[in-house]
């Protein structure tokens, strides 16, 4: 299974929803809280081009935020990506 990293904030409802979706699927993930870490957040935004949190990575693949994660789940592609397959 690919490593999953969730960059999040303590008071972010979309972060909570993303983590809940992963937990319901039984997916282990590393959470990196960005509270008070302005420099890290700026660097992450520059790296991904994504302005909001959560920012979710599965392996080397940048998924996006909660909306993109939920779309992958509803299309059935999330399991493929978690298993190491490529998503087209």
PDB file of N, CA and C in Angstrom:
ATOM      1  N   UNK A   1       0.840  -1.183   0.000  1.00  0.00           N
ATOM      2  CA  UNK A   1       0.000   0.000   0.000  1.00  0.00           C
ATOM      3  C   UNK A   1       0.883   1.244   0.000  1.00  0.00           C
ATOM      4  N   UNK A   2       0.475   2.229  -0.767  1.00  0.00           N
ATOM      5  CA  UNK A   2       1.217   3.473  -0.860  1.00  0.00           C
ATOM      6  C   UNK A   2       1.106   4.270   0.448  1.00  0.00           C
ATOM      7  N   UNK A   3       2.158   5.021   0.772  1.00  0.00           N
ATOM      8  CA  UNK A   3       2.147   5.881   1.949  1.00  0.00           C
ATOM      9  C   UNK A   3       1.214   7.060   1.681  1.00  0.00           C
ATOM     10  N   UNK A   4       0.407   7.400   2.669  1.00  0.00           N
ATOM     11  CA  UNK A   4      -0.538   8.508   2.560  1.00  0.00           C
ATOM     12  C   UNK A   4      -0.138   9.583   3.568  1.00  0.00           C
ATOM     13  N   UNK A   5      -0.039  10.815   3.071  1.00  0.00           N
ATOM     14  CA  UNK A   5       0.276  11.961   3.926  1.00  0.00           C
ATOM     15  C   UNK A   5      -0.841  12.982   3.766  1.00  0.00           C
ATOM     16  N   UNK A   6      -1.340  13.463   4.910  1.00  0.00           N
ATOM     17  CA  UNK A   6      -2.383  14.488   4.918  1.00  0.00           C
ATOM     18  C   UNK A   6      -1.821  15.712   5.632  1.00  0.00           C
ATOM     19  N   UNK A   7      -1.647  16.795   4.890  1.00  0.00           N
ATOM     20  CA  UNK A   7      -1.267  18.075   5.477  1.00  0.00           C
ATOM     21  C   UNK A   7      -2.558  18.756   5.879  1.00  0.00           C
ATOM     22  N   UNK A   8      -2.658  19.140   7.156  1.00  0.00           N
ATOM     23  CA  UNK A   8      -3.945  19.620   7.649  1.00  0.00           C
ATOM     24  C   UNK A   8      -3.789  20.710   8.692  1.00  0.00           C
ATOM     25  N   UNK A   9      -4.944  21.179   9.164  1.00  0.00           N
ATOM     26  CA  UNK A   9      -5.012  22.154  10.240  1.00  0.00           C
ATOM     27  C   UNK A   9      -5.992  21.661  11.284  1.00  0.00           C
ATOM     28  N   UNK A  10      -5.800  22.084  12.512  1.00  0.00           N
ATOM     29  CA  UNK A  10      -6.622  21.603  13.628  1.00  0.00           C
ATOM     30  C   UNK A  10      -8.091  21.963  13.505  1.00  0.00           C
ATOM     31  N   UNK A  11      -8.389  23.126  12.947  1.00  0.00           N
ATOM     32  CA  UNK A  11      -9.770  23.607  12.923  1.00  0.00           C
ATOM     33  C   UNK A  11     -10.357  23.613  11.519  1.00  0.00           C
ATOM     34  N   UNK A  12      -9.926  22.702  10.692  1.00  0.00           N
ATOM     35  CA  UNK A  12     -10.339  22.642   9.293  1.00  0.00           C
ATOM     36  C   UNK A  12     -11.367  21.525   9.111  1.00  0.00           C
ATOM     37  N   UNK A  13     -12.631  21.873   8.809  1.00  0.00           N
ATOM     38  CA  UNK A  13     -13.643  20.831   8.661  1.00  0.00           C
ATOM     39  C   UNK A  13     -13.381  19.895   7.478  1.00  0.00           C
ATOM     40  N   UNK A  14     -12.778  20.400   6.420  1.00  0.00           N
ATOM     41  CA  UNK A  14     -12.471  19.527   5.278  1.00  0.00           C
ATOM     42  C   UNK A  14     -11.337  18.565   5.611  1.00  0.00           C
ATOM     43  N   UNK A  15     -10.440  18.985   6.474  1.00  0.00           N
ATOM     44  CA  UNK A  15      -9.376  18.088   6.937  1.00  0.00           C
ATOM     45  C   UNK A  15      -9.984  16.941   7.739  1.00  0.00           C
ATOM     46  N   UNK A  16     -10.925  17.276   8.615  1.00  0.00           N
ATOM     47  CA  UNK A  16     -11.608  16.260   9.425  1.00  0.00           C
ATOM     48  C   UNK A  16     -12.317  15.264   8.510  1.00  0.00           C
ATOM     49  N   UNK A  17     -12.999  15.762   7.497  1.00  0.00           N
ATOM     50  CA  UNK A  17     -13.734  14.884   6.579  1.00  0.00           C
ATOM     51  C   UNK A  17     -12.787  13.976   5.800  1.00  0.00           C
ATOM     52  N   UNK A  18     -11.652  14.519   5.351  1.00  0.00           N
ATOM     53  CA  UNK A  18     -10.685  13.706   4.607  1.00  0.00           C
ATOM     54  C   UNK A  18     -10.114  12.601   5.490  1.00  0.00           C
ATOM     55  N   UNK A  19      -9.743  12.962   6.713  1.00  0.00           N
ATOM     56  CA  UNK A  19      -9.181  11.966   7.627  1.00  0.00           C
ATOM     57  C   UNK A  19     -10.229  10.908   7.977  1.00  0.00           C
ATOM     58  N   UNK A  20     -11.476  11.326   8.155  1.00  0.00           N
ATOM     59  CA  UNK A  20     -12.552  10.379   8.460  1.00  0.00           C
ATOM     60  C   UNK A  20     -12.748   9.394   7.309  1.00  0.00           C
ATOM     61  N   UNK A  21     -12.732   9.894   6.075  1.00  0.00           N
ATOM     62  CA  UNK A  21     -12.895   9.011   4.914  1.00  0.00           C
ATOM     63  C   UNK A  21     -11.786   7.967   4.886  1.00  0.00           C
ATOM     64  N   UNK A  22     -10.549   8.408   5.096  1.00  0.00           N
ATOM     65  CA  UNK A  22      -9.419   7.471   5.093  1.00  0.00           C
ATOM     66  C   UNK A  22      -9.540   6.468   6.242  1.00  0.00           C
ATOM     67  N   UNK A  23      -9.925   6.941   7.420  1.00  0.00           N
ATOM     68  CA  UNK A  23     -10.077   6.048   8.568  1.00  0.00           C
ATOM     69  C   UNK A  23     -11.176   5.014   8.332  1.00  0.00           C
ATOM     70  N   UNK A  24     -12.280   5.433   7.740  1.00  0.00           N
ATOM     71  CA  UNK A  24     -13.379   4.500   7.458  1.00  0.00           C
ATOM     72  C   UNK A  24     -12.948   3.421   6.478  1.00  0.00           C
ATOM     73  N   UNK A  25     -12.001   3.740   5.605  1.00  0.00           N
ATOM     74  CA  UNK A  25     -11.474   2.759   4.660  1.00  0.00           C
ATOM     75  C   UNK A  25     -10.368   1.911   5.281  1.00  0.00           C
ATOM     76  N   UNK A  26      -9.955   2.234   6.508  1.00  0.00           N
ATOM     77  CA  UNK A  26      -8.890   1.491   7.163  1.00  0.00           C
ATOM     78  C   UNK A  26      -7.514   1.843   6.638  1.00  0.00           C
ATOM     79  N   UNK A  27      -7.381   3.061   6.094  1.00  0.00           N
ATOM     80  CA  UNK A  27      -6.113   3.497   5.512  1.00  0.00           C
ATOM     81  C   UNK A  27      -5.290   4.225   6.572  1.00  0.00           C
ATOM     82  N   UNK A  28      -4.092   3.733   6.813  1.00  0.00           N
ATOM     83  CA  UNK A  28      -3.173   4.415   7.722  1.00  0.00           C
ATOM     84  C   UNK A  28      -2.597   5.618   6.986  1.00  0.00           C
ATOM     85  N   UNK A  29      -2.450   6.731   7.705  1.00  0.00           N
ATOM     86  CA  UNK A  29      -1.887   7.920   7.083  1.00  0.00           C
ATOM     87  C   UNK A  29      -1.069   8.693   8.101  1.00  0.00           C
ATOM     88  N   UNK A  30      -0.153   9.480   7.581  1.00  0.00           N
ATOM     89  CA  UNK A  30       0.636  10.386   8.405  1.00  0.00           C
ATOM     90  C   UNK A  30      -0.013  11.756   8.295  1.00  0.00           C
ATOM     91  N   UNK A  31      -0.300  12.362   9.427  1.00  0.00           N
ATOM     92  CA  UNK A  31      -0.862  13.710   9.425  1.00  0.00           C
ATOM     93  C   UNK A  31       0.228  14.702   9.790  1.00  0.00           C
ATOM     94  N   UNK A  32       0.348  15.735   8.989  1.00  0.00           N
ATOM     95  CA  UNK A  32       1.286  16.814   9.284  1.00  0.00           C
ATOM     96  C   UNK A  32       0.463  18.074   9.512  1.00  0.00           C
ATOM     97  N   UNK A  33       0.399  18.495  10.785  1.00  0.00           N
ATOM     98  CA  UNK A  33      -0.358  19.694  11.138  1.00  0.00           C
ATOM     99  C   UNK A  33       0.438  20.934  10.758  1.00  0.00           C
ATOM    100  N   UNK A  34      -0.228  21.853  10.107  1.00  0.00           N
ATOM    101  CA  UNK A  34       0.424  23.080   9.654  1.00  0.00           C
ATOM    102  C   UNK A  34       0.066  24.285  10.513  1.00  0.00           C
ATOM    103  N   UNK A  35      -0.591  24.064  11.649  1.00  0.00           N
ATOM    104  CA  UNK A  35      -0.949  25.159  12.546  1.00  0.00           C
ATOM    105  C   UNK A  35       0.308  25.931  12.950  1.00  0.00           C
ATOM    106  N   UNK A  36       0.307  27.228  12.680  1.00  0.00           N
ATOM    107  CA  UNK A  36       1.435  28.079  13.066  1.00  0.00           C
ATOM    108  C   UNK A  36       2.697  27.853  12.265  1.00  0.00           C
ATOM    109  N   UNK A  37       2.621  27.090  11.192  1.00  0.00           N
ATOM    110  CA  UNK A  37       3.800  26.796  10.368  1.00  0.00           C
ATOM    111  C   UNK A  37       3.642  27.479   9.008  1.00  0.00           C
ATOM    112  N   UNK A  38       3.643  28.805   9.040  1.00  0.00           N
ATOM    113  CA  UNK A  38       3.379  29.581   7.831  1.00  0.00           C
ATOM    114  C   UNK A  38       4.382  29.288   6.715  1.00  0.00           C
ATOM    115  N   UNK A  39       5.636  29.153   7.067  1.00  0.00           N
ATOM    116  CA  UNK A  39       6.668  28.902   6.049  1.00  0.00           C
ATOM    117  C   UNK A  39       6.421  27.573   5.334  1.00  0.00           C
ATOM    118  N   UNK A  40       6.105  26.524   6.106  1.00  0.00           N
ATOM    119  CA  UNK A  40       5.847  25.211   5.529  1.00  0.00           C
ATOM    120  C   UNK A  40       4.604  25.237   4.640  1.00  0.00           C
ATOM    121  N   UNK A  41       3.578  25.979   5.063  1.00  0.00           N
ATOM    122  CA  UNK A  41       2.358  26.091   4.271  1.00  0.00           C
ATOM    123  C   UNK A  41       2.631  26.806   2.950  1.00  0.00           C
ATOM    124  N   UNK A  42       3.408  27.857   2.996  1.00  0.00           N
ATOM    125  CA  UNK A  42       3.766  28.582   1.769  1.00  0.00           C
ATOM    126  C   UNK A  42       4.550  27.675   0.823  1.00  0.00           C
ATOM    127  N   UNK A  43       5.511  26.936   1.363  1.00  0.00           N
ATOM    128  CA  UNK A  43       6.306  26.017   0.537  1.00  0.00           C
ATOM    129  C   UNK A  43       5.427  24.931  -0.077  1.00  0.00           C
ATOM    130  N   UNK A  44       4.485  24.420   0.696  1.00  0.00           N
ATOM    131  CA  UNK A  44       3.577  23.390   0.191  1.00  0.00           C
ATOM    132  C   UNK A  44       2.702  23.956  -0.924  1.00  0.00           C
ATOM    133  N   UNK A  45       2.184  25.146  -0.730  1.00  0.00           N
ATOM    134  CA  UNK A  45       1.366  25.790  -1.760  1.00  0.00           C
ATOM    135  C   UNK A  45       2.154  26.007  -3.041  1.00  0.00           C
ATOM    136  N   UNK A  46       3.403  26.412  -2.907  1.00  0.00           N
ATOM    137  CA  UNK A  46       4.249  26.610  -4.095  1.00  0.00           C
ATOM    138  C   UNK A  46       4.512  25.287  -4.795  1.00  0.00           C
ATOM    139  N   UNK A  47       4.681  24.242  -4.027  1.00  0.00           N
ATOM    140  CA  UNK A  47       4.971  22.911  -4.578  1.00  0.00           C
ATOM    141  C   UNK A  47       3.776  22.329  -5.329  1.00  0.00           C
ATOM    142  N   UNK A  48       2.566  22.528  -4.784  1.00  0.00           N
ATOM    143  CA  UNK A  48       1.395  21.877  -5.359  1.00  0.00           C
ATOM    144  C   UNK A  48       0.528  22.795  -6.219  1.00  0.00           C
ATOM    145  N   UNK A  49       0.609  24.097  -5.981  1.00  0.00           N
ATOM    146  CA  UNK A  49      -0.288  25.022  -6.650  1.00  0.00           C
ATOM    147  C   UNK A  49      -1.686  25.018  -6.051  1.00  0.00           C
ATOM    148  N   UNK A  50      -1.869  24.290  -4.974  1.00  0.00           N
ATOM    149  CA  UNK A  50      -3.162  24.147  -4.291  1.00  0.00           C
ATOM    150  C   UNK A  50      -3.174  25.117  -3.117  1.00  0.00           C
ATOM    151  N   UNK A  51      -4.178  25.950  -3.015  1.00  0.00           N
ATOM    152  CA  UNK A  51      -4.187  27.039  -2.031  1.00  0.00           C
ATOM    153  C   UNK A  51      -4.751  26.655  -0.664  1.00  0.00           C
ATOM    154  N   UNK A  52      -5.538  25.590  -0.588  1.00  0.00           N
ATOM    155  CA  UNK A  52      -6.227  25.281   0.659  1.00  0.00           C
ATOM    156  C   UNK A  52      -5.723  23.973   1.265  1.00  0.00           C
ATOM    157  N   UNK A  53      -6.151  23.720   2.498  1.00  0.00           N
ATOM    158  CA  UNK A  53      -5.892  22.437   3.138  1.00  0.00           C
ATOM    159  C   UNK A  53      -7.219  21.737   3.312  1.00  0.00           C
ATOM    160  N   UNK A  54      -7.216  20.430   3.377  1.00  0.00           N
ATOM    161  CA  UNK A  54      -6.061  19.544   3.415  1.00  0.00           C
ATOM    162  C   UNK A  54      -5.400  19.431   2.047  1.00  0.00           C
ATOM    163  N   UNK A  55      -4.160  18.996   2.097  1.00  0.00           N
ATOM    164  CA  UNK A  55      -3.444  18.608   0.888  1.00  0.00           C
ATOM    165  C   UNK A  55      -3.000  17.171   1.116  1.00  0.00           C
ATOM    166  N   UNK A  56      -3.393  16.315   0.196  1.00  0.00           N
ATOM    167  CA  UNK A  56      -3.244  14.875   0.392  1.00  0.00           C
ATOM    168  C   UNK A  56      -2.341  14.286  -0.681  1.00  0.00           C
ATOM    169  N   UNK A  57      -1.382  13.503  -0.226  1.00  0.00           N
ATOM    170  CA  UNK A  57      -0.479  12.787  -1.125  1.00  0.00           C
ATOM    171  C   UNK A  57      -0.647  11.298  -0.895  1.00  0.00           C
ATOM    172  N   UNK A  58      -0.685  10.547  -1.982  1.00  0.00           N
ATOM    173  CA  UNK A  58      -0.652   9.091  -1.914  1.00  0.00           C
ATOM    174  C   UNK A  58       0.578   8.692  -2.708  1.00  0.00           C
ATOM    175  N   UNK A  59       1.576   8.190  -1.991  1.00  0.00           N
ATOM    176  CA  UNK A  59       2.872   7.970  -2.623  1.00  0.00           C
ATOM    177  C   UNK A  59       3.395   9.320  -3.097  1.00  0.00           C
ATOM    178  N   UNK A  60       3.864   9.372  -4.320  1.00  0.00           N
ATOM    179  CA  UNK A  60       4.361  10.620  -4.899  1.00  0.00           C
ATOM    180  C   UNK A  60       3.261  11.416  -5.598  1.00  0.00           C
ATOM    181  N   UNK A  61       2.051  10.875  -5.604  1.00  0.00           N
ATOM    182  CA  UNK A  61       0.934  11.494  -6.330  1.00  0.00           C
ATOM    183  C   UNK A  61       0.206  12.498  -5.437  1.00  0.00           C
ATOM    184  N   UNK A  62       0.118  13.761  -5.891  1.00  0.00           N
ATOM    185  CA  UNK A  62      -0.669  14.771  -5.183  1.00  0.00           C
ATOM    186  C   UNK A  62      -2.122  14.594  -5.581  1.00  0.00           C
ATOM    187  N   UNK A  63      -2.954  14.239  -4.619  1.00  0.00           N
ATOM    188  CA  UNK A  63      -4.369  13.991  -4.865  1.00  0.00           C
ATOM    189  C   UNK A  63      -5.142  15.297  -4.970  1.00  0.00           C
ATOM    190  N   UNK A  64      -4.836  16.234  -4.085  1.00  0.00           N
ATOM    191  CA  UNK A  64      -5.591  17.477  -3.959  1.00  0.00           C
ATOM    192  C   UNK A  64      -6.116  17.555  -2.541  1.00  0.00           C
ATOM    193  N   UNK A  65      -7.354  18.044  -2.409  1.00  0.00           N
ATOM    194  CA  UNK A  65      -7.965  18.177  -1.099  1.00  0.00           C
ATOM    195  C   UNK A  65      -9.066  17.150  -0.883  1.00  0.00           C
ATOM    196  N   UNK A  66      -9.959  17.464   0.060  1.00  0.00           N
ATOM    197  CA  UNK A  66     -11.033  16.536   0.373  1.00  0.00           C
ATOM    198  C   UNK A  66     -11.925  16.264  -0.832  1.00  0.00           C
ATOM    199  N   UNK A  67     -12.265  17.303  -1.573  1.00  0.00           N
ATOM    200  CA  UNK A  67     -13.172  17.131  -2.711  1.00  0.00           C
ATOM    201  C   UNK A  67     -12.607  16.137  -3.714  1.00  0.00           C
ATOM    202  N   UNK A  68     -11.336  16.268  -4.029  1.00  0.00           N
ATOM    203  CA  UNK A  68     -10.703  15.356  -4.983  1.00  0.00           C
ATOM    204  C   UNK A  68     -10.604  13.946  -4.411  1.00  0.00           C
ATOM    205  N   UNK A  69     -10.322  13.840  -3.105  1.00  0.00           N
ATOM    206  CA  UNK A  69     -10.265  12.530  -2.453  1.00  0.00           C
ATOM    207  C   UNK A  69     -11.623  11.847  -2.527  1.00  0.00           C
ATOM    208  N   UNK A  70     -12.686  12.597  -2.226  1.00  0.00           N
ATOM    209  CA  UNK A  70     -14.040  12.042  -2.262  1.00  0.00           C
ATOM    210  C   UNK A  70     -14.431  11.639  -3.683  1.00  0.00           C
ATOM    211  N   UNK A  71     -14.011  12.413  -4.684  1.00  0.00           N
ATOM    212  CA  UNK A  71     -14.298  12.062  -6.078  1.00  0.00           C
ATOM    213  C   UNK A  71     -13.599  10.768  -6.476  1.00  0.00           C
ATOM    214  N   UNK A  72     -12.348  10.608  -6.027  1.00  0.00           N
ATOM    215  CA  UNK A  72     -11.630   9.360  -6.293  1.00  0.00           C
ATOM    216  C   UNK A  72     -12.352   8.178  -5.655  1.00  0.00           C
ATOM    217  N   UNK A  73     -12.834   8.374  -4.438  1.00  0.00           N
ATOM    218  CA  UNK A  73     -13.552   7.301  -3.735  1.00  0.00           C
ATOM    219  C   UNK A  73     -14.838   6.952  -4.476  1.00  0.00           C
ATOM    220  N   UNK A  74     -15.617   7.941  -4.863  1.00  0.00           N
ATOM    221  CA  UNK A  74     -16.903   7.649  -5.508  1.00  0.00           C
ATOM    222  C   UNK A  74     -16.730   7.047  -6.893  1.00  0.00           C
ATOM    223  N   UNK A  75     -15.611   7.325  -7.553  1.00  0.00           N
ATOM    224  CA  UNK A  75     -15.363   6.752  -8.882  1.00  0.00           C
ATOM    225  C   UNK A  75     -14.716   5.371  -8.811  1.00  0.00           C
ATOM    226  N   UNK A  76     -14.312   4.942  -7.596  1.00  0.00           N
ATOM    227  CA  UNK A  76     -13.657   3.656  -7.440  1.00  0.00           C
ATOM    228  C   UNK A  76     -12.160   3.682  -7.702  1.00  0.00           C
ATOM    229  N   UNK A  77     -11.615   4.860  -7.971  1.00  0.00           N
ATOM    230  CA  UNK A  77     -10.191   4.961  -8.301  1.00  0.00           C
ATOM    231  C   UNK A  77      -9.288   5.108  -7.087  1.00  0.00           C
ATOM    232  N   UNK A  78      -9.866   5.427  -5.927  1.00  0.00           N
ATOM    233  CA  UNK A  78      -9.040   5.603  -4.735  1.00  0.00           C
ATOM    234  C   UNK A  78      -8.352   4.302  -4.351  1.00  0.00           C
ATOM    235  N   UNK A  79      -9.082   3.191  -4.371  1.00  0.00           N
ATOM    236  CA  UNK A  79      -8.473   1.903  -4.022  1.00  0.00           C
ATOM    237  C   UNK A  79      -7.337   1.555  -4.967  1.00  0.00           C
ATOM    238  N   UNK A  80      -7.514   1.848  -6.236  1.00  0.00           N
ATOM    239  CA  UNK A  80      -6.463   1.601  -7.228  1.00  0.00           C
ATOM    240  C   UNK A  80      -5.213   2.410  -6.901  1.00  0.00           C
ATOM    241  N   UNK A  81      -5.407   3.679  -6.565  1.00  0.00           N
ATOM    242  CA  UNK A  81      -4.278   4.541  -6.243  1.00  0.00           C
ATOM    243  C   UNK A  81      -3.597   4.103  -4.956  1.00  0.00           C
ATOM    244  N   UNK A  82      -4.383   3.712  -3.969  1.00  0.00           N
ATOM    245  CA  UNK A  82      -3.805   3.247  -2.705  1.00  0.00           C
ATOM    246  C   UNK A  82      -2.993   1.970  -2.889  1.00  0.00           C
ATOM    247  N   UNK A  83      -3.408   1.167  -3.850  1.00  0.00           N
ATOM    248  CA  UNK A  83      -2.698  -0.079  -4.120  1.00  0.00           C
ATOM    249  C   UNK A  83      -1.458   0.099  -4.954  1.00  0.00           C
ATOM    250  N   UNK A  84      -1.202   1.325  -5.381  1.00  0.00           N
ATOM    251  CA  UNK A  84       0.005   1.582  -6.152  1.00  0.00           C
ATOM    252  C   UNK A  84      -0.218   1.676  -7.637  1.00  0.00           C
ATOM    253  N   UNK A  85      -1.478   1.503  -8.066  1.00  0.00           N
ATOM    254  CA  UNK A  85      -1.768   1.631  -9.488  1.00  0.00           C
ATOM    255  C   UNK A  85      -1.809   3.091  -9.884  1.00  0.00           C
ATOM    256  N   UNK A  86      -1.760   3.365 -11.159  1.00  0.00           N
ATOM    257  CA  UNK A  86      -1.840   4.747 -11.615  1.00  0.00           C
ATOM    258  C   UNK A  86      -3.289   5.074 -11.949  1.00  0.00           C
ATOM    259  N   UNK A  87      -3.656   6.314 -11.686  1.00  0.00           N
ATOM    260  CA  UNK A  87      -5.001   6.763 -11.959  1.00  0.00           C
ATOM    261  C   UNK A  87      -4.964   7.606 -13.224  1.00  0.00           C
ATOM    262  N   UNK A  88      -5.829   7.270 -14.173  1.00  0.00           N
ATOM    263  CA  UNK A  88      -5.831   8.030 -15.420  1.00  0.00           C
ATOM    264  C   UNK A  88      -6.939   9.053 -15.420  1.00  0.00           C
TER     265      UNK A  88
END
